[in-house]
Amino acid sequence: MPWKATTTMEQKIEFICEWRTGKYTITELCKNFGISRPTAYKLISRFENQGYDGLKEQSRAPREHPNATGENIVKAIIKLKAKYPRWGAKKIRILLFNDFNKEIVPSVVTVHNILKKNGLVCPQKRMRRVKPVFPIFDPKSCNEVWSADYKGKFLMGNKIYCHPLTIADSKSRFLFTAKGHYKENLKSAKTEFTKVFRKYGMPKQIHTDNGSPFGSVRAIQRYTQLSYWFIELGITPVFSDPAHPEQNGRHERMHRDLKAACARPSAYDLKAQQRRLNHFVKEYNHIRPHEALGMKTPASVHNFETRPFPEKTPLFDYDLDHKVLKVTQNGAIRWRSYYWVYLTSALKGKYVGIQNLGNGIWKVFYRNVFLGFFNENELRNKKTNIRLETNLV
């Protein structure tokens, strides 16, 4: 009789037991169990080589596949993953084209399956689907907008905090620098910006958050001393909305990779930490493929032609209809010899332009950048000092 689906293993064992008695020929056994002679000989061969375990159901998958990935490519994939453990299948596949012809490079899915088969894929947590947020400053060309920020501080081995300053082009994602500092202050930031400007030139805008030393939510237009220095160089400071880092998501995404590469674990001191940061910058710019760039590297996309950095602050002439006043050491301008209009201490010693709009309303500029309004009638009526307003009521 033919094999029964529910008792296949029992039938096979019974067949072997009958065969081992030597009372029946192969032809008789095949007739009784309803199987062919090749099947009978195959079962006997498996039993002789493996015992009863050889009677278990065998995989029907082909032992060799004509389209299987070559062993040399599999080894290359595993080697690249060991070298760049934070990279996924897409980026590793791009690097395979450097050593193999494109006809034999496997697909992204195949590369992922090879990594998964070798235990090199970490399962990711399922993220809650949220409404996508697009950057509020989306440049169309390189050097139109640069982004800058201090990556969140982390402890080094000597128990001192490292504060990495990062500056990148928002279009090409080219990372100009990742400089470790002990503190987030004006002097450190300005020194590194000067170094970058001298080497790479200057952008039209610089996009930052509202943290020190980049911006201040309590200051006029959120400008700080660093912001006014940018303005003097012909660079317009632009800011994300307060408490909205996702508006500069491309820079924050880079920070995630930097933290994984340089802060987990961190180095012992700042000198050793800076070597890690420099290595990350080189890898990020010249080796790591970027999905937003069509799997190209930032260095291959970035345009290095831009405005040169002036070693001396350029002079600026206000229009003839502007009244030019100097900001005193207390951050205010003297008005009509008796009153004061407070601006900001970040402008002390500098000259602002005042434009008359009529009805006692004056518009205040620093160079070509609008700061705010003030109403001289309030000074005369209240006989008191006032602060600059950004909006007319």
Protein backbone atom coordinates (compact mmCIF):
# COMPACT_ATOMS: atom_id res chain seq x y z
CA MET A 1 0.00 0.00 0.00
CA PRO A 2 1.21 3.63 -0.56
CA TRP A 3 2.69 5.76 2.22
CA LYS A 4 0.14 7.33 4.54
CA ALA A 5 0.71 11.02 5.19
CA THR A 6 0.26 10.70 8.93
CA THR A 7 2.42 7.55 9.39
CA THR A 8 5.24 8.06 6.90
CA MET A 9 8.03 7.56 9.44
CA GLU A 10 6.33 4.47 10.89
CA GLN A 11 6.00 2.96 7.41
CA LYS A 12 9.68 3.60 6.72
CA ILE A 13 10.75 1.94 10.00
CA GLU A 14 8.45 -1.03 9.29
CA PHE A 15 9.98 -1.36 5.81
CA ILE A 16 13.51 -1.47 7.24
CA CYS A 17 12.52 -3.97 9.89
CA GLU A 18 11.01 -6.29 7.23
CA TRP A 19 14.11 -5.90 5.07
CA ARG A 20 16.47 -6.74 7.93
CA THR A 21 14.71 -10.11 8.55
CA GLY A 22 15.98 -11.30 5.15
CA LYS A 23 12.71 -13.17 4.50
CA TYR A 24 11.60 -10.93 1.63
CA THR A 25 13.12 -9.79 -1.62
CA ILE A 26 13.26 -6.13 -2.65
CA THR A 27 10.57 -6.79 -5.24
CA GLU A 28 8.23 -8.27 -2.63
CA LEU A 29 8.84 -5.41 -0.20
CA CYS A 30 8.21 -2.80 -2.87
CA LYS A 31 4.95 -4.52 -3.82
CA ASN A 32 3.76 -4.77 -0.21
CA PHE A 33 4.59 -1.13 0.66
CA GLY A 34 3.60 0.34 -2.72
CA ILE A 35 6.93 2.04 -3.45
CA SER A 36 9.40 1.90 -6.33
CA ARG A 37 12.71 0.03 -6.28
CA PRO A 38 14.82 3.27 -6.39
CA THR A 39 12.92 4.51 -3.33
CA ALA A 40 13.59 1.26 -1.52
CA TYR A 41 17.31 1.29 -2.29
CA LYS A 42 17.51 4.95 -1.22
CA LEU A 43 15.93 4.16 2.17
CA ILE A 44 18.26 1.21 2.70
CA SER A 45 21.30 3.33 1.81
CA ARG A 46 20.30 6.10 4.21
CA PHE A 47 19.69 3.59 7.02
CA GLU A 48 23.10 1.96 6.50
CA ASN A 49 24.88 5.35 6.55
CA GLN A 50 22.91 7.27 9.21
CA GLY A 51 20.77 4.79 11.06
CA TYR A 52 17.13 5.58 11.76
CA ASP A 53 17.87 9.34 11.60
CA GLY A 54 18.48 8.89 7.89
CA LEU A 55 14.83 7.91 7.45
CA LYS A 56 13.62 11.37 8.47
CA GLU A 57 12.28 13.72 5.82
CA GLN A 58 15.13 15.34 3.90
CA SER A 59 15.21 18.89 2.53
CA ARG A 60 14.25 19.09 -1.12
CA ALA A 61 16.15 22.35 -1.69
CA PRO A 62 18.88 22.06 -4.33
CA ARG A 63 22.37 21.67 -2.90
CA GLU A 64 23.76 24.05 -5.49
CA HIS A 65 22.06 26.99 -7.17
CA PRO A 66 23.30 28.49 -10.46
CA ASN A 67 22.47 32.02 -9.24
CA ALA A 68 23.95 31.66 -5.76
CA THR A 69 26.21 34.48 -4.54
CA GLY A 70 29.87 33.63 -4.89
CA GLU A 71 31.82 32.74 -1.79
CA ASN A 72 34.31 35.55 -2.48
CA ILE A 73 31.50 38.12 -2.52
CA VAL A 74 30.00 36.71 0.69
CA LYS A 75 33.39 37.04 2.39
CA ALA A 76 33.73 40.61 1.07
CA ILE A 77 30.30 41.53 2.48
CA ILE A 78 31.17 40.12 5.90
CA LYS A 79 34.54 41.89 5.84
CA LEU A 80 32.96 45.26 4.97
CA LYS A 81 30.37 44.82 7.72
CA ALA A 82 33.15 44.14 10.23
CA LYS A 83 34.92 47.32 9.09
CA TYR A 84 31.77 49.46 9.07
CA PRO A 85 29.48 47.83 11.67
CA ARG A 86 27.01 50.76 11.69
CA TRP A 87 26.30 50.56 7.95
CA GLY A 88 23.42 48.64 6.42
CA ALA A 89 23.04 46.57 3.26
CA LYS A 90 22.53 49.56 0.94
CA LYS A 91 25.82 51.24 1.79
CA ILE A 92 27.82 48.01 1.90
CA ARG A 93 26.49 47.02 -1.54
CA ILE A 94 27.74 50.30 -3.04
CA LEU A 95 31.26 49.56 -1.79
CA LEU A 96 31.19 46.16 -3.52
CA PHE A 97 31.29 47.92 -6.89
CA ASN A 98 34.84 49.05 -6.08
CA ASP A 99 36.10 45.44 -6.18
CA PHE A 100 33.61 43.49 -8.34
CA ASN A 101 31.90 43.88 -11.70
CA LYS A 102 28.37 45.22 -11.48
CA GLU A 103 27.03 42.05 -13.17
CA ILE A 104 27.91 39.88 -10.17
CA VAL A 105 27.14 42.31 -7.31
CA PRO A 106 23.99 41.03 -5.56
CA SER A 107 20.90 43.07 -4.81
CA VAL A 108 20.33 44.97 -1.57
CA VAL A 109 17.93 42.26 -0.37
CA THR A 110 20.53 39.55 -1.01
CA VAL A 111 23.22 41.51 0.83
CA HIS A 112 20.82 41.99 3.75
CA ASN A 113 19.98 38.26 3.80
CA ILE A 114 23.67 37.34 3.81
CA LEU A 115 24.27 39.68 6.76
CA LYS A 116 21.22 38.30 8.56
CA LYS A 117 22.28 34.70 7.94
CA ASN A 118 25.65 35.44 9.54
CA GLY A 119 24.07 37.14 12.55
CA LEU A 120 25.24 40.62 11.57
CA VAL A 121 21.85 42.35 11.50
CA CYS A 122 20.49 43.84 14.71
CA PRO A 123 16.67 43.91 14.81
CA GLN A 124 15.36 47.45 15.09
CA LYS A 125 12.48 48.58 17.23
CA ARG A 126 9.33 49.44 15.35
CA MET A 127 8.96 53.19 15.34
CA ARG A 128 5.63 54.92 15.77
CA ARG A 129 4.57 56.41 12.45
CA VAL A 130 4.48 60.20 12.68
CA LYS A 131 3.76 62.95 10.23
CA PRO A 132 6.95 63.76 8.28
CA VAL A 133 8.66 67.06 9.09
CA PHE A 134 10.55 68.78 6.31
CA PRO A 135 13.43 71.20 6.88
CA ILE A 136 12.42 74.85 6.90
CA PHE A 137 15.61 75.69 5.02
CA ASP A 138 15.96 73.44 1.97
CA PRO A 139 18.84 74.74 -0.18
CA LYS A 140 18.97 74.17 -3.92
CA SER A 141 22.74 74.41 -4.28
CA CYS A 142 25.92 73.87 -2.27
CA ASN A 143 27.11 76.68 0.03
CA GLU A 144 23.65 78.25 0.10
CA VAL A 145 23.00 77.09 3.64
CA TRP A 146 25.42 75.55 6.11
CA SER A 147 24.25 74.03 9.37
CA ALA A 148 26.13 74.09 12.65
CA ASP A 149 25.52 72.75 16.12
CA TYR A 150 27.15 71.42 19.25
CA LYS A 151 26.61 67.69 19.51
CA GLY A 152 25.37 66.79 22.96
CA LYS A 153 28.21 66.57 25.44
CA PHE A 154 29.53 63.20 26.59
CA LEU A 155 32.05 62.08 29.18
CA MET A 156 35.51 61.00 28.11
CA GLY A 157 37.60 58.44 29.96
CA ASN A 158 39.19 61.12 32.15
CA LYS A 159 35.71 62.15 33.40
CA ILE A 160 35.79 65.48 31.51
CA TYR A 161 33.02 66.43 29.11
CA CYS A 162 33.66 66.75 25.37
CA HIS A 163 31.49 69.17 23.35
CA PRO A 164 31.90 68.47 19.60
CA LEU A 165 31.17 71.41 17.28
CA THR A 166 29.99 70.26 13.83
CA ILE A 167 29.63 72.35 10.66
CA ALA A 168 28.17 70.87 7.46
CA ASP A 169 26.74 71.91 4.11
CA SER A 170 22.97 71.38 4.08
CA LYS A 171 22.83 70.43 0.39
CA SER A 172 25.79 68.10 -0.09
CA ARG A 173 25.97 66.99 3.58
CA PHE A 174 29.73 67.61 3.40
CA LEU A 175 31.02 67.73 6.98
CA PHE A 176 33.60 70.52 7.25
CA THR A 177 34.63 69.81 10.82
CA ALA A 178 33.85 67.97 14.02
CA LYS A 179 35.92 69.77 16.64
CA GLY A 180 35.94 68.71 20.27
CA HIS A 181 35.79 71.54 22.82
CA TYR A 182 35.80 71.64 26.59
CA LYS A 183 33.08 74.32 26.64
CA GLU A 184 30.41 75.68 24.33
CA ASN A 185 31.41 79.33 24.18
CA LEU A 186 31.94 82.16 21.71
CA LYS A 187 35.73 82.00 21.63
CA SER A 188 35.89 78.29 20.82
CA ALA A 189 33.15 78.46 18.19
CA LYS A 190 34.51 81.58 16.48
CA THR A 191 38.01 80.09 16.30
CA GLU A 192 36.75 76.96 14.57
CA PHE A 193 34.45 78.88 12.21
CA THR A 194 37.41 81.07 11.21
CA LYS A 195 39.48 77.98 10.46
CA VAL A 196 36.69 76.47 8.34
CA PHE A 197 35.99 79.75 6.49
CA ARG A 198 39.66 80.13 5.60
CA LYS A 199 39.82 76.60 4.21
CA TYR A 200 36.42 76.22 2.52
CA GLY A 201 35.11 79.77 2.03
CA MET A 202 31.79 81.13 3.30
CA PRO A 203 28.09 80.29 2.73
CA LYS A 204 25.15 82.63 2.22
CA GLN A 205 23.36 81.45 5.39
CA ILE A 206 24.17 79.49 8.53
CA HIS A 207 21.36 77.47 10.10
CA THR A 208 21.61 76.76 13.85
CA ASP A 209 19.40 76.13 16.84
CA ASN A 210 18.81 78.67 19.61
CA GLY A 211 21.46 77.45 22.02
CA SER A 212 24.56 79.34 23.10
CA PRO A 213 26.64 80.67 21.43
CA PHE A 214 24.53 80.54 18.24
CA GLY A 215 21.27 82.15 19.31
CA SER A 216 19.19 83.38 22.22
CA VAL A 217 15.40 83.43 22.37
CA ARG A 218 15.55 86.52 24.63
CA ALA A 219 17.70 88.59 22.28
CA ILE A 220 16.59 90.79 19.37
CA GLN A 221 15.85 88.49 16.43
CA ARG A 222 17.65 85.81 18.51
CA TYR A 223 21.02 87.28 17.43
CA THR A 224 24.15 86.83 19.58
CA GLN A 225 27.72 88.09 19.25
CA LEU A 226 28.46 85.18 16.94
CA SER A 227 25.42 86.06 14.84
CA TYR A 228 26.57 89.67 14.42
CA TRP A 229 30.00 88.43 13.39
CA PHE A 230 28.32 86.33 10.69
CA ILE A 231 26.40 89.41 9.55
CA GLU A 232 29.64 91.41 9.30
CA LEU A 233 30.99 88.68 7.00
CA GLY A 234 27.91 88.85 4.78
CA ILE A 235 26.38 85.64 6.17
CA THR A 236 22.73 85.61 7.25
CA PRO A 237 22.04 83.70 10.51
CA VAL A 238 18.86 81.60 10.40
CA PHE A 239 17.38 79.59 13.27
CA SER A 240 15.15 76.61 13.90
CA ASP A 241 12.05 77.27 15.95
CA PRO A 242 12.66 76.86 19.70
CA ALA A 243 12.41 73.22 20.86
CA HIS A 244 12.18 71.92 17.27
CA PRO A 245 15.48 70.18 16.41
CA GLU A 246 13.67 68.15 13.73
CA GLN A 247 13.67 71.27 11.55
CA ASN A 248 17.37 70.58 11.01
CA GLY A 249 16.90 66.83 10.83
CA ARG A 250 19.69 66.13 8.35
CA HIS A 251 22.24 67.58 10.79
CA GLU A 252 20.73 65.71 13.74
CA ARG A 253 20.88 62.47 11.72
CA MET A 254 24.59 63.01 11.17
CA HIS A 255 24.98 63.55 14.92
CA ARG A 256 23.48 60.11 15.55
CA ASP A 257 26.18 58.49 13.42
CA LEU A 258 28.87 60.61 15.06
CA LYS A 259 27.75 59.57 18.54
CA ALA A 260 27.75 55.88 17.60
CA ALA A 261 31.22 56.15 16.08
CA CYS A 262 32.96 58.42 18.59
CA ALA A 263 31.14 58.29 21.91
CA ARG A 264 30.29 54.61 22.35
CA PRO A 265 32.77 54.21 23.91
CA SER A 266 34.54 57.55 24.12
CA ALA A 267 38.32 58.06 24.17
CA TYR A 268 40.35 58.82 27.27
CA ASP A 269 41.10 62.51 26.68
CA LEU A 270 40.35 65.30 24.20
CA LYS A 271 43.42 64.64 22.07
CA ALA A 272 42.49 61.00 21.54
CA GLN A 273 38.85 61.95 21.11
CA GLN A 274 39.77 64.42 18.37
CA ARG A 275 41.52 61.66 16.44
CA ARG A 276 38.26 59.70 16.46
CA LEU A 277 36.30 62.74 15.33
CA ASN A 278 38.76 63.38 12.49
CA HIS A 279 38.49 59.75 11.37
CA PHE A 280 34.69 60.02 11.38
CA VAL A 281 34.81 63.20 9.25
CA LYS A 282 37.05 61.51 6.67
CA GLU A 283 34.89 58.39 6.54
CA TYR A 284 31.64 60.37 6.40
CA ASN A 285 32.82 62.62 3.55
CA HIS A 286 34.82 60.25 1.35
CA ILE A 287 33.74 56.64 1.99
CA ARG A 288 30.22 56.41 3.37
CA PRO A 289 27.52 56.43 0.62
CA HIS A 290 24.59 58.75 1.37
CA GLU A 291 21.06 57.76 0.41
CA ALA A 292 19.88 61.37 0.01
CA LEU A 293 22.68 61.87 -2.55
CA GLY A 294 21.82 58.85 -4.67
CA MET A 295 24.35 56.70 -2.76
CA LYS A 296 27.19 59.09 -3.62
CA THR A 297 29.61 60.48 -1.05
CA PRO A 298 29.35 64.10 0.14
CA ALA A 299 32.88 64.87 -1.13
CA SER A 300 31.94 63.80 -4.66
CA VAL A 301 28.88 66.08 -4.67
CA HIS A 302 30.06 69.20 -2.84
CA ASN A 303 31.00 72.32 -4.79
CA PHE A 304 34.09 73.90 -3.22
CA GLU A 305 33.83 77.17 -5.16
CA THR A 306 32.55 79.86 -2.80
CA ARG A 307 33.30 83.30 -1.36
CA PRO A 308 36.73 83.69 0.25
CA PHE A 309 37.07 84.65 3.89
CA PRO A 310 38.16 88.30 4.46
CA GLU A 311 40.89 88.64 7.07
CA LYS A 312 39.60 92.14 7.93
CA THR A 313 35.98 92.91 8.70
CA PRO A 314 34.51 94.56 5.57
CA LEU A 315 33.41 98.18 5.95
CA PHE A 316 29.76 99.04 5.55
CA ASP A 317 28.16 102.33 4.51
CA TYR A 318 24.54 103.01 5.49
CA ASP A 319 22.18 104.71 3.04
CA LEU A 320 21.96 108.50 3.14
CA ASP A 321 18.46 108.41 4.65
CA HIS A 322 19.77 106.50 7.68
CA LYS A 323 20.87 108.18 10.86
CA VAL A 324 23.99 106.41 12.17
CA LEU A 325 24.32 105.95 15.94
CA LYS A 326 26.87 104.13 18.09
CA VAL A 327 25.79 101.47 20.57
CA THR A 328 27.23 102.30 23.97
CA GLN A 329 28.82 99.92 26.47
CA ASN A 330 25.47 99.27 28.14
CA GLY A 331 24.00 98.01 24.83
CA ALA A 332 21.77 101.07 24.18
CA ILE A 333 21.71 104.05 21.84
CA ARG A 334 21.30 107.61 23.16
CA TRP A 335 18.27 109.40 21.72
CA ARG A 336 17.84 113.21 21.73
CA SER A 337 20.54 113.47 24.44
CA TYR A 338 18.05 112.59 27.18
CA TYR A 339 16.69 109.12 26.49
CA TRP A 340 17.97 105.63 25.88
CA VAL A 341 16.75 102.88 23.54
CA TYR A 342 18.12 99.54 24.65
CA LEU A 343 19.22 97.16 21.88
CA THR A 344 21.65 94.45 23.03
CA SER A 345 25.03 94.25 24.72
CA ALA A 346 26.23 92.08 21.81
CA LEU A 347 26.36 95.26 19.67
CA LYS A 348 28.31 97.47 22.06
CA GLY A 349 30.82 99.65 20.26
CA LYS A 350 29.20 99.07 16.86
CA TYR A 351 27.18 101.43 14.67
CA VAL A 352 23.53 100.94 13.73
CA GLY A 353 21.42 102.71 11.11
CA ILE A 354 18.11 104.38 12.04
CA GLN A 355 15.48 105.03 9.35
CA ASN A 356 12.52 107.36 9.91
CA LEU A 357 9.17 105.87 8.89
CA GLY A 358 7.10 108.89 10.01
CA ASN A 359 4.79 109.53 13.00
CA GLY A 360 7.73 109.03 15.36
CA ILE A 361 8.40 105.43 14.24
CA TRP A 362 12.02 104.54 13.58
CA LYS A 363 13.38 101.39 11.98
CA VAL A 364 16.72 100.05 13.25
CA PHE A 365 19.27 98.13 11.17
CA TYR A 366 22.67 96.63 11.80
CA ARG A 367 24.34 96.82 8.44
CA ASN A 368 21.79 95.34 6.01
CA VAL A 369 19.91 93.31 8.64
CA PHE A 370 16.70 94.56 10.21
CA LEU A 371 16.63 94.53 14.03
CA GLY A 372 13.39 96.20 15.11
CA PHE A 373 11.35 99.40 15.70
CA PHE A 374 11.03 102.02 18.39
CA ASN A 375 8.52 104.84 18.86
CA GLU A 376 10.04 108.14 19.99
CA ASN A 377 6.59 109.35 21.11
CA GLU A 378 6.72 106.81 23.90
CA LEU A 379 10.00 108.31 25.02
CA ARG A 380 8.54 111.83 25.14
CA ASN A 381 5.24 110.84 26.72
CA LYS A 382 6.59 108.45 29.31
CA LYS A 383 9.93 110.18 29.73
CA THR A 384 11.57 106.84 30.25
CA ASN A 385 13.89 104.44 28.50
CA ILE A 386 12.44 101.79 26.18
CA ARG A 387 13.53 98.57 24.53
CA LEU A 388 13.60 97.87 20.83
CA GLU A 389 10.47 96.08 19.52
CA THR A 390 10.50 93.58 16.65
CA ASN A 391 6.87 94.24 15.72
CA LEU A 392 4.71 97.33 15.51
CA VAL A 393 1.46 97.09 17.45
